[in-house]
Every structure is written in C-alpha cells, then in structure tokens.
Protein backbone atom coordinates (compact mmCIF):
# COMPACT_ATOMS: atom_id res chain seq x y z
CA UNK A 1 14.53 23.59 1.09
CA UNK A 2 13.63 19.88 1.68
CA UNK A 3 12.93 20.49 5.42
CA UNK A 4 10.59 23.28 4.63
CA UNK A 5 8.69 21.04 2.03
CA UNK A 6 8.44 18.33 4.66
CA UNK A 7 6.87 20.59 6.92
CA UNK A 8 4.41 22.04 4.52
CA UNK A 9 4.08 20.29 1.43
CA UNK A 10 2.92 16.72 2.20
CA UNK A 11 -0.75 17.25 1.80
CA UNK A 12 -0.03 18.45 -1.60
CA UNK A 13 1.79 15.11 -2.37
CA UNK A 14 -1.09 13.07 -1.02
CA UNK A 15 -3.39 15.06 -3.49
CA UNK A 16 -1.08 14.29 -6.50
CA UNK A 17 -1.08 10.70 -5.76
CA UNK A 18 -4.83 10.46 -5.29
CA UNK A 19 -5.39 12.43 -8.51
CA UNK A 20 -3.04 10.32 -10.71
CA UNK A 21 -4.81 7.20 -9.53
CA UNK A 22 -8.27 8.77 -10.10
CA UNK A 23 -7.39 10.12 -13.69
CA UNK A 24 -4.97 7.51 -14.89
CA UNK A 25 -5.49 4.27 -13.09
CA UNK A 26 -8.97 3.60 -11.76
CA UNK A 27 -10.79 4.42 -15.10
CA UNK A 28 -8.83 1.45 -16.66
CA UNK A 29 -9.16 -1.16 -13.78
CA UNK A 30 -11.02 -3.92 -15.41
CA UNK A 31 -11.35 -1.93 -18.60
CA UNK A 32 -8.17 -2.63 -20.31
CA UNK A 33 -8.09 -3.40 -24.02
CA UNK A 34 -5.79 -6.03 -25.21
CA UNK A 35 -3.57 -3.45 -26.85
CA UNK A 36 -3.08 -1.60 -23.72
CA UNK A 37 -1.11 -4.41 -22.05
CA UNK A 38 2.56 -4.97 -23.27
CA UNK A 39 5.19 -7.48 -22.21
CA UNK A 40 8.51 -5.94 -21.13
CA UNK A 41 11.24 -8.62 -20.43
CA UNK A 42 8.82 -11.62 -20.62
CA UNK A 43 5.21 -12.66 -20.26
CA UNK A 44 5.20 -12.17 -16.52
CA UNK A 45 6.66 -8.63 -16.85
CA UNK A 46 3.79 -6.40 -17.92
CA UNK A 47 3.28 -2.68 -18.44
CA UNK A 48 -0.02 -1.06 -19.21
CA UNK A 49 -1.25 2.05 -20.53
CA UNK A 50 -2.14 2.91 -16.85
CA UNK A 51 1.35 2.49 -15.62
CA UNK A 52 2.86 4.84 -18.23
CA UNK A 53 0.19 7.51 -17.98
CA UNK A 54 0.15 7.45 -14.26
CA UNK A 55 4.00 7.84 -14.06
CA UNK A 56 3.84 10.62 -16.56
CA UNK A 57 1.24 12.40 -14.51
CA UNK A 58 3.21 11.97 -11.28
CA UNK A 59 6.46 12.99 -12.84
CA UNK A 60 4.88 16.40 -13.92
CA UNK A 61 2.99 17.00 -10.52
CA UNK A 62 5.65 16.02 -8.15
CA UNK A 63 8.56 17.98 -9.86
CA UNK A 64 6.15 21.00 -9.83
CA UNK A 65 5.73 20.68 -6.12
CA UNK A 66 9.24 20.47 -5.31
CA UNK A 67 11.54 22.62 -7.91
CA UNK A 68 14.75 21.06 -8.45
CA UNK A 69 13.60 17.54 -7.68
CA UNK A 70 13.85 14.62 -10.21
CA UNK A 71 11.92 11.53 -10.53
CA UNK A 72 13.29 7.90 -10.93
CA UNK A 73 10.14 5.87 -11.99
CA UNK A 74 9.92 2.33 -13.22
CA UNK A 75 8.87 3.10 -16.57
CA UNK A 76 11.43 5.90 -17.12
CA UNK A 77 14.26 3.65 -15.97
CA UNK A 78 13.11 0.81 -18.40
CA UNK A 79 13.33 3.33 -21.24
CA UNK A 80 16.61 4.79 -20.04
CA UNK A 81 18.65 2.91 -17.33
CA UNK A 82 20.84 5.83 -16.67
CA UNK A 83 17.81 7.54 -15.01
CA UNK A 84 18.55 5.25 -12.00
CA UNK A 85 21.66 7.16 -11.29
CA UNK A 86 19.86 10.12 -9.88
CA UNK A 87 19.51 7.99 -6.66
CA UNK A 88 23.31 8.52 -6.22
CA UNK A 89 23.24 12.32 -6.89
CA UNK A 90 22.39 15.18 -4.40
CA UNK A 91 19.03 16.48 -5.75
CA UNK A 92 15.86 15.30 -4.04
CA UNK A 93 14.42 12.21 -5.73
CA UNK A 94 10.80 10.99 -6.12
CA UNK A 95 10.96 7.21 -6.32
CA UNK A 96 7.81 6.06 -8.19
CA UNK A 97 6.12 2.93 -9.06
CA UNK A 98 2.87 3.87 -10.75
CA UNK A 99 1.27 0.55 -10.36
CA UNK A 100 2.99 -1.89 -8.28
CA UNK A 101 1.23 -5.21 -8.76
CA UNK A 102 0.75 -4.87 -12.52
CA UNK A 103 -0.12 -8.51 -12.67
CA UNK A 104 -2.90 -8.13 -10.34
CA UNK A 105 -4.10 -4.94 -11.92
CA UNK A 106 -4.32 -6.68 -15.36
CA UNK A 107 -6.13 -9.62 -13.96
CA UNK A 108 -8.81 -7.36 -12.08
CA UNK A 109 -7.40 -8.05 -8.62
CA UNK A 110 -7.79 -5.02 -6.41
CA UNK A 111 -4.41 -5.67 -4.56
CA UNK A 112 -2.29 -3.36 -6.33
CA UNK A 113 -1.07 0.24 -5.23
CA UNK A 114 0.90 3.21 -6.41
CA UNK A 115 4.29 3.87 -4.45
CA UNK A 116 5.96 7.18 -4.06
CA UNK A 117 8.79 7.95 -1.81
CA UNK A 118 10.93 11.12 -1.49
CA UNK A 119 14.67 10.49 -0.86
CA UNK A 120 17.84 12.57 -0.86
CA UNK A 121 21.43 11.24 -0.74
CA UNK A 122 20.00 7.84 -0.11
CA UNK A 123 17.99 8.66 2.78
CA UNK A 124 14.25 7.98 2.49
CA UNK A 125 12.23 10.87 4.04
CA UNK A 126 8.64 10.34 3.33
CA UNK A 127 6.53 7.71 1.51
CA UNK A 128 3.02 7.15 0.17
CA UNK A 129 1.56 3.74 -0.49
CA UNK A 130 -1.83 4.01 -2.05
CA UNK A 131 -4.16 1.29 -2.82
CA UNK A 132 -7.08 2.91 -4.73
CA UNK A 133 -9.21 -0.08 -5.18
CA UNK A 134 -8.92 -0.89 -1.49
CA UNK A 135 -9.36 2.72 -0.43
CA UNK A 136 -6.22 2.60 1.66
CA UNK A 137 -3.40 5.20 2.22
CA UNK A 138 -0.40 4.53 4.02
CA UNK A 139 2.12 7.37 4.76
CA UNK A 140 5.34 7.67 6.72
CA UNK A 141 7.48 10.70 7.32
CA UNK A 142 11.13 9.99 8.87
CA UNK A 143 10.86 10.05 12.69
CA UNK A 144 7.18 10.81 12.56
CA UNK A 145 5.59 7.37 12.70
CA UNK A 146 3.49 5.34 10.21
CA UNK A 147 -0.27 5.79 9.34
CA UNK A 148 -3.05 4.19 7.37
CA UNK A 149 -6.03 6.48 6.40
CA UNK A 150 -4.74 8.74 9.27
CA UNK A 151 -4.51 6.07 11.93
CA UNK A 152 -1.10 5.21 13.54
CA UNK A 153 -0.04 1.67 13.01
CA UNK A 154 2.71 -0.29 14.67
CA UNK A 155 4.28 -3.61 13.50
CA UNK A 156 4.61 -5.32 16.94
CA UNK A 157 6.30 -8.62 17.21
CA UNK A 158 5.38 -12.03 16.08
CA UNK A 159 3.42 -14.23 18.41
CA UNK A 160 5.77 -16.54 20.51
CA UNK A 161 5.66 -20.04 19.31
CA UNK A 162 3.59 -19.36 16.20
CA UNK A 163 4.90 -20.18 12.57
CA UNK A 164 6.69 -17.01 11.26
CA UNK A 165 4.53 -15.92 8.33
CA UNK A 166 7.00 -14.90 5.51
CA UNK A 167 6.14 -13.47 2.11
CA UNK A 168 9.03 -14.23 -0.44
CA UNK A 169 9.80 -13.21 -3.79
CA UNK A 170 7.45 -14.70 -6.26
CA UNK A 171 8.96 -17.74 -8.24
CA UNK A 172 7.77 -16.11 -11.55
CA UNK A 173 10.66 -13.52 -10.99
CA UNK A 174 13.47 -15.32 -9.54
CA UNK A 175 16.38 -17.15 -10.68
CA UNK A 176 17.28 -20.73 -10.13
CA UNK A 177 19.79 -19.43 -7.60
CA UNK A 178 17.25 -17.27 -5.98
CA UNK A 179 14.94 -20.29 -5.61
CA UNK A 180 17.73 -22.27 -3.89
CA UNK A 181 18.37 -19.41 -1.42
CA UNK A 182 14.74 -18.99 -0.57
CA UNK A 183 14.22 -22.67 -0.13
CA UNK A 184 16.17 -22.49 2.97
CA UNK A 185 13.28 -20.80 4.52
CA UNK A 186 11.32 -24.14 4.13
CA UNK A 187 12.01 -25.24 7.66
CA UNK A 188 9.70 -26.05 10.65
CA UNK A 189 8.48 -22.95 12.38
CA UNK A 190 8.30 -20.83 9.02
CA UNK A 191 5.29 -20.47 6.77
CA UNK A 192 6.53 -19.12 3.50
CA UNK A 193 4.42 -18.09 0.55
CA UNK A 194 4.97 -16.08 -2.65
CA UNK A 195 4.49 -12.30 -2.45
CA UNK A 196 1.93 -10.28 -4.23
CA UNK A 197 2.38 -6.61 -4.65
CA UNK A 198 5.53 -5.78 -2.82
CA UNK A 199 4.07 -2.42 -1.60
CA UNK A 200 1.20 -4.21 0.04
CA UNK A 201 3.33 -6.79 1.57
CA UNK A 202 5.32 -4.11 3.27
CA UNK A 203 2.05 -2.59 4.48
CA UNK A 204 1.27 -5.89 5.86
CA UNK A 205 4.45 -6.25 7.91
CA UNK A 206 4.01 -2.52 9.06
CA UNK A 207 0.69 -3.42 10.66
CA UNK A 208 1.64 -6.92 11.88
CA UNK A 209 -0.38 -8.92 9.34
CA UNK A 210 2.73 -10.45 7.94
CA UNK A 211 5.84 -11.16 10.03
CA UNK A 212 8.62 -10.93 7.55
CA UNK A 213 9.55 -10.45 3.81
CA UNK A 214 12.54 -11.95 1.73
CA UNK A 215 13.16 -10.18 -1.54
CA UNK A 216 15.65 -10.85 -4.13
CA UNK A 217 15.76 -7.82 -6.44
CA UNK A 218 16.81 -4.40 -5.75
CA UNK A 219 14.55 -2.08 -7.68
CA UNK A 220 14.10 1.07 -5.50
CA UNK A 221 10.59 1.85 -6.70
CA UNK A 222 9.40 -1.51 -5.20
CA UNK A 223 11.21 -1.07 -1.84
CA UNK A 224 11.70 2.69 -0.94
CA UNK A 225 8.12 3.54 0.17
CA UNK A 226 7.77 0.26 2.15
CA UNK A 227 11.19 0.42 3.87
CA UNK A 228 10.19 3.72 5.37
CA UNK A 229 6.73 2.57 6.23
CA UNK A 230 7.94 -0.43 8.14
CA UNK A 231 10.86 1.31 9.94
CA UNK A 232 8.31 4.04 11.02
CA UNK A 233 5.97 1.38 12.45
CA UNK A 234 8.75 -0.12 14.42
CA UNK A 235 10.02 -2.80 12.14
CA UNK A 236 13.70 -3.51 10.78
CA UNK A 237 15.62 -4.66 7.71
CA UNK A 238 19.01 -6.02 6.71
CA UNK A 239 20.69 -7.46 3.71
CA UNK A 240 22.32 -10.83 4.01
CA UNK A 241 25.62 -9.13 4.63
CA UNK A 242 24.02 -7.66 7.95
CA UNK A 243 23.82 -4.02 6.80
CA UNK A 244 20.75 -2.01 5.82
CA UNK A 245 19.46 -1.98 2.34
CA UNK A 246 19.98 1.43 0.75
CA UNK A 247 18.45 2.91 -2.44
CA UNK A 248 21.77 4.50 -3.46
CA UNK A 249 24.08 1.73 -3.61
CA UNK A 250 24.59 -1.90 -4.58
CA UNK A 251 23.19 -4.23 -2.04
CA UNK A 252 23.95 -7.90 -1.05
CA UNK A 253 20.79 -9.83 -1.80
CA UNK A 254 18.39 -11.28 -0.93
CA UNK A 255 17.38 -8.99 2.02
CA UNK A 256 14.94 -9.42 4.89
CA UNK A 257 12.33 -7.23 6.35
CA UNK A 258 10.47 -7.94 9.53
CA UNK A 259 8.15 -6.78 12.32
CA UNK A 260 11.22 -6.46 14.58
CA UNK A 261 14.91 -6.96 14.68
CA UNK A 262 14.77 -10.48 16.11
CA UNK A 263 12.58 -11.58 13.19
CA UNK A 264 14.94 -9.99 10.61
CA UNK A 265 17.97 -11.68 12.14
CA UNK A 266 16.15 -15.06 12.16
CA UNK A 267 15.25 -14.69 8.53
CA UNK A 268 18.57 -13.47 7.51
CA UNK A 269 20.40 -16.21 9.13
CA UNK A 270 18.18 -18.70 7.47
CA UNK A 271 18.88 -17.26 4.15
CA UNK A 272 22.53 -17.49 4.88
CA UNK A 273 22.02 -21.25 5.39
CA UNK A 274 22.75 -21.07 9.18
C-alpha cells in the first residue's frame, strides 16, 4: 500500500499542504489578534490559532489520502503525549509541524514553514517543507533526491579553510547543560549562531547555505522532514553516540546534521569535547 501511494499520491500531498497554508495560515499572518496567541510551557513556547487549525486541516486531509495512516502532530502531542507512541507502531505516520517557527510567525517574520513527513516503522519515506510567505516548497522522497520548487538541490561540502557555519539550538529553548555542551563549538574555525525555524535551517544545509546544525531536542515534527531532505541532498547526520537519529526511538543528544559526513564528524566530536 505504501509503495503504491509513494508512486502515485505525492502530488495530492503537496496540494493538501499548500491548501492548509492558504486557508489556515496565510490569512492570519500579520493579522493575529492578542487572544489568538497562547503560551504553552512558557513565554517563548507559543501556539496560535493558525497552528491548531492548520494541524486539524492536515490531519483530516492526509489521513483521507492514505487510509489507515495516523498523524503525530505537535499540537496533538501537546494535548495527549501518548499520541507520540504511534511512531513506534506499524501504521504509516504523518509527522506534522503546522507552523514551524511560531515565534517568527507571531512576530511577522516570513521565515516560518509547514513541515510534513511520511514515515513507517521509523523510516522517513517522504517529506515536504513549505514556506508559504517565501513561496518555497522543498520536497524529498527516499532514494529520489531533494528538490526546491521542482529544481534539484545538493548540499555539497564546506569550502576548505573557511569557518564552518553552524546553526545551533536557540538559547531560549536550551537548558544550562545544553548551553555548556553547545559552547564547545565556540572554537576557532567555527562560526556558530542561534537557529531560527528548524525546518528552514535544514533547508539551508540541503542547499549548502549553512554547513551544519547542532540540535538538543528530539521532537520528531521538527526534524523528520529536514532529516530526509538533507540526506537526499547528499548530507549526513549523527547523534553524539555515533549512530543516526531516528524518530522511533530515544536518541543520545545533541545530534549533528551537516552537508557531508566529514562535517558531521567534526561537529559531533566537538560536541563530545574532543
């Protein structure tokens, strides 16, 4: 069933993602009322009516496209953490972040996106990264390459001798221990900066605009789409214990993503303190 869907159903997924953004997200961009923005765990962890409505829209449309599939969405998991366990089951899973970069969305910054990935038994099979305000759609299918607006992209390798451009977990969302670990990247030859929307940072790695990422949190909806996109563009990734990050298990953190394997190893070893 899943192979047939991957062969025939992907244009319908793109349409569903675009429609959710057109109906539920973009009409609210720079138009949010105060009561439409709510704190979750704290003042920097926000959810808006656009997040909730877009996730509801995508949940209905994606499960209709692939009968028997389920959705693991950021807002659904916030309401019921047991929803996350679907990632470890056998049914196909849509992994959804309706508005990745909610802080940017609330602030009127166009650097936000909708993230959708299709996975089964922990394997990410296809992904969509849609930045509606930037008019960019990045897609990837396992074994078939990575594309932005229909044009193939490649991650390439960092320029020899240049500082390594690394986006790291934003300090607003990291613990003191995380900060100490990430501080190990403050060395000559590495130019680290806080990340914005995780999905758009993955896209920058996939097309060679950023050399590496270092993330400290495991939420599948932030990472699944980007991990496949980077892999299909030629990049690599690794947790600090030297094995790939997977959405269906607990992972050693932080983990590194890079334009090539050598870059990932360099960042990983720095994070290890070596």
